[in-house]
C-alpha atoms as a PDB file:
ATOM      1  CA  MET A   1      23.420 -26.082 -27.864  1.00  0.00           C
ATOM      2  CA  GLY A   2      26.825 -27.327 -28.947  1.00  0.00           C
ATOM      3  CA  PHE A   3      28.910 -25.861 -26.127  1.00  0.00           C
ATOM      4  CA  ARG A   4      30.512 -27.626 -23.155  1.00  0.00           C
ATOM      5  CA  PRO A   5      32.383 -25.593 -20.536  1.00  0.00           C
ATOM      6  CA  LEU A   6      35.792 -26.757 -19.362  1.00  0.00           C
ATOM      7  CA  HIS A   7      36.931 -27.864 -15.898  1.00  0.00           C
ATOM      8  CA  ASP A   8      34.881 -26.291 -13.053  1.00  0.00           C
ATOM      9  CA  ARG A   9      32.891 -23.875 -15.208  1.00  0.00           C
ATOM     10  CA  VAL A  10      29.099 -23.851 -15.455  1.00  0.00           C
ATOM     11  CA  VAL A  11      26.745 -22.367 -18.077  1.00  0.00           C
ATOM     12  CA  VAL A  12      23.642 -20.748 -16.531  1.00  0.00           C
ATOM     13  CA  ARG A  13      20.504 -19.251 -18.094  1.00  0.00           C
ATOM     14  CA  ARG A  14      19.030 -16.414 -16.018  1.00  0.00           C
ATOM     15  CA  VAL A  15      15.452 -16.844 -14.796  1.00  0.00           C
ATOM     16  CA  ASP A  16      13.212 -13.862 -15.555  1.00  0.00           C
ATOM     17  CA  SER A  17      12.295 -11.830 -12.490  1.00  0.00           C
ATOM     18  CA  GLU A  18       8.878 -10.510 -11.595  1.00  0.00           C
ATOM     19  CA  GLU A  19       7.966  -7.175 -13.191  1.00  0.00           C
ATOM     20  CA  LYS A  20       5.661  -6.274 -10.289  1.00  0.00           C
ATOM     21  CA  THR A  21       6.286  -5.816  -6.593  1.00  0.00           C
ATOM     22  CA  THR A  22       4.213  -7.732  -4.056  1.00  0.00           C
ATOM     23  CA  GLY A  23       2.055  -4.610  -3.713  1.00  0.00           C
ATOM     24  CA  GLY A  24       1.268  -4.669  -7.449  1.00  0.00           C
ATOM     25  CA  ILE A  25       3.532  -1.793  -8.545  1.00  0.00           C
ATOM     26  CA  ILE A  26       4.956  -2.378 -12.036  1.00  0.00           C
ATOM     27  CA  ILE A  27       8.741  -1.918 -12.216  1.00  0.00           C
ATOM     28  CA  PRO A  28      10.007  -0.368 -15.482  1.00  0.00           C
ATOM     29  CA  ASP A  29      12.795  -2.172 -17.378  1.00  0.00           C
ATOM     30  CA  THR A  30      15.220   0.720 -16.841  1.00  0.00           C
ATOM     31  CA  VAL A  31      15.378   0.214 -13.052  1.00  0.00           C
ATOM     32  CA  GLN A  32      15.022  -3.566 -12.861  1.00  0.00           C
ATOM     33  CA  GLU A  33      18.055  -5.435 -11.604  1.00  0.00           C
ATOM     34  CA  LYS A  34      19.140  -8.538 -13.447  1.00  0.00           C
ATOM     35  CA  PRO A  35      18.101 -11.597 -11.471  1.00  0.00           C
ATOM     36  CA  SER A  36      20.739 -13.553  -9.617  1.00  0.00           C
ATOM     37  CA  GLU A  37      18.831 -16.789 -10.067  1.00  0.00           C
ATOM     38  CA  GLY A  38      19.173 -19.176 -12.966  1.00  0.00           C
ATOM     39  CA  VAL A  39      19.018 -22.695 -14.329  1.00  0.00           C
ATOM     40  CA  VAL A  40      22.179 -24.681 -15.051  1.00  0.00           C
ATOM     41  CA  VAL A  41      22.379 -25.511 -18.759  1.00  0.00           C
ATOM     42  CA  SER A  42      25.726 -27.290 -18.949  1.00  0.00           C
ATOM     43  CA  VAL A  43      28.637 -28.169 -16.652  1.00  0.00           C
ATOM     44  CA  GLY A  44      32.307 -29.009 -17.128  1.00  0.00           C
ATOM     45  CA  LEU A  45      33.834 -32.339 -16.119  1.00  0.00           C
ATOM     46  CA  GLY A  46      35.317 -31.007 -12.853  1.00  0.00           C
ATOM     47  CA  THR A  47      38.655 -30.042 -11.375  1.00  0.00           C
ATOM     48  CA  ARG A  48      41.675 -32.148 -10.562  1.00  0.00           C
ATOM     49  CA  ASP A  49      42.839 -32.597  -6.992  1.00  0.00           C
ATOM     50  CA  ASP A  50      46.480 -32.775  -5.869  1.00  0.00           C
ATOM     51  CA  SER A  51      46.767 -36.432  -6.893  1.00  0.00           C
ATOM     52  CA  GLY A  52      45.415 -35.724 -10.407  1.00  0.00           C
ATOM     53  CA  LYS A  53      42.028 -37.358  -9.797  1.00  0.00           C
ATOM     54  CA  VAL A  54      39.013 -35.575 -11.368  1.00  0.00           C
ATOM     55  CA  VAL A  55      36.569 -34.218  -8.762  1.00  0.00           C
ATOM     56  CA  ALA A  56      33.053 -33.906 -10.224  1.00  0.00           C
ATOM     57  CA  LEU A  57      30.966 -30.749  -9.746  1.00  0.00           C
ATOM     58  CA  ASP A  58      28.091 -30.554  -7.235  1.00  0.00           C
ATOM     59  CA  VAL A  59      25.655 -28.968  -9.705  1.00  0.00           C
ATOM     60  CA  LYS A  60      24.089 -30.647 -12.725  1.00  0.00           C
ATOM     61  CA  PRO A  61      22.068 -29.456 -15.724  1.00  0.00           C
ATOM     62  CA  GLY A  62      18.542 -28.495 -14.699  1.00  0.00           C
ATOM     63  CA  ASP A  63      19.478 -27.325 -11.177  1.00  0.00           C
ATOM     64  CA  ARG A  64      17.990 -23.956 -10.158  1.00  0.00           C
ATOM     65  CA  VAL A  65      20.800 -21.922  -8.542  1.00  0.00           C
ATOM     66  CA  LEU A  66      21.555 -18.596  -6.863  1.00  0.00           C
ATOM     67  CA  PHE A  67      24.722 -16.732  -7.791  1.00  0.00           C
ATOM     68  CA  GLY A  68      26.400 -13.428  -7.002  1.00  0.00           C
ATOM     69  CA  LYS A  69      25.185 -10.216  -8.607  1.00  0.00           C
ATOM     70  CA  TRP A  70      28.399  -9.678 -10.604  1.00  0.00           C
ATOM     71  CA  SER A  71      29.217 -13.359 -11.197  1.00  0.00           C
ATOM     72  CA  GLY A  72      30.062 -14.826 -14.550  1.00  0.00           C
ATOM     73  CA  THR A  73      30.699 -13.642 -18.071  1.00  0.00           C
ATOM     74  CA  GLU A  74      27.723 -12.933 -20.317  1.00  0.00           C
ATOM     75  CA  ILE A  75      27.755 -14.717 -23.673  1.00  0.00           C
ATOM     76  CA  LYS A  76      25.295 -15.209 -26.511  1.00  0.00           C
ATOM     77  CA  ILE A  77      24.970 -18.606 -28.199  1.00  0.00           C
ATOM     78  CA  ASP A  78      22.268 -19.225 -30.822  1.00  0.00           C
ATOM     79  CA  ASN A  79      20.473 -15.969 -29.794  1.00  0.00           C
ATOM     80  CA  ASP A  80      20.330 -17.246 -26.199  1.00  0.00           C
ATOM     81  CA  GLU A  81      21.847 -15.020 -23.483  1.00  0.00           C
ATOM     82  CA  LEU A  82      23.809 -17.156 -21.024  1.00  0.00           C
ATOM     83  CA  LEU A  83      26.380 -16.786 -18.243  1.00  0.00           C
ATOM     84  CA  ILE A  84      29.603 -18.763 -17.859  1.00  0.00           C
ATOM     85  CA  MET A  85      30.896 -18.885 -14.287  1.00  0.00           C
ATOM     86  CA  LYS A  86      32.992 -21.019 -12.000  1.00  0.00           C
ATOM     87  CA  GLU A  87      31.116 -23.376  -9.719  1.00  0.00           C
ATOM     88  CA  SER A  88      32.514 -21.451  -6.736  1.00  0.00           C
ATOM     89  CA  ASP A  89      30.488 -18.383  -7.875  1.00  0.00           C
ATOM     90  CA  ILE A  90      27.271 -20.331  -7.237  1.00  0.00           C
ATOM     91  CA  MET A  91      25.964 -19.752  -3.711  1.00  0.00           C
ATOM     92  CA  GLY A  92      23.489 -22.624  -3.604  1.00  0.00           C
ATOM     93  CA  VAL A  93      20.948 -24.869  -5.277  1.00  0.00           C
ATOM     94  CA  ILE A  94      17.246 -24.087  -4.789  1.00  0.00           C
ATOM     95  CA  GLY A  95      14.876 -26.921  -3.917  1.00  0.00           C
ATOM     96  CA  SER A  96      17.252 -29.837  -3.592  1.00  0.00           C
END
């Protein structure tokens, strides 16, 4: 992918959710919610503090993250559906 987000923005690929409940009931596509979990694909260089120094982001490509339900802007690059969001929209990193 030839796309790098700017400043404190992060590109995330959603992780597919389970299509069954724990009890084995299959959930149809029409009522499934989009997952709020994803994998970081690309990150910007960071923001600048008051002195002009670049502050690097806490997330890195490959991190599995949780984000808000309505976070980010959906984009399509090379037939791949992705989200662009600010790092502050990410609630946490899973498994680190």
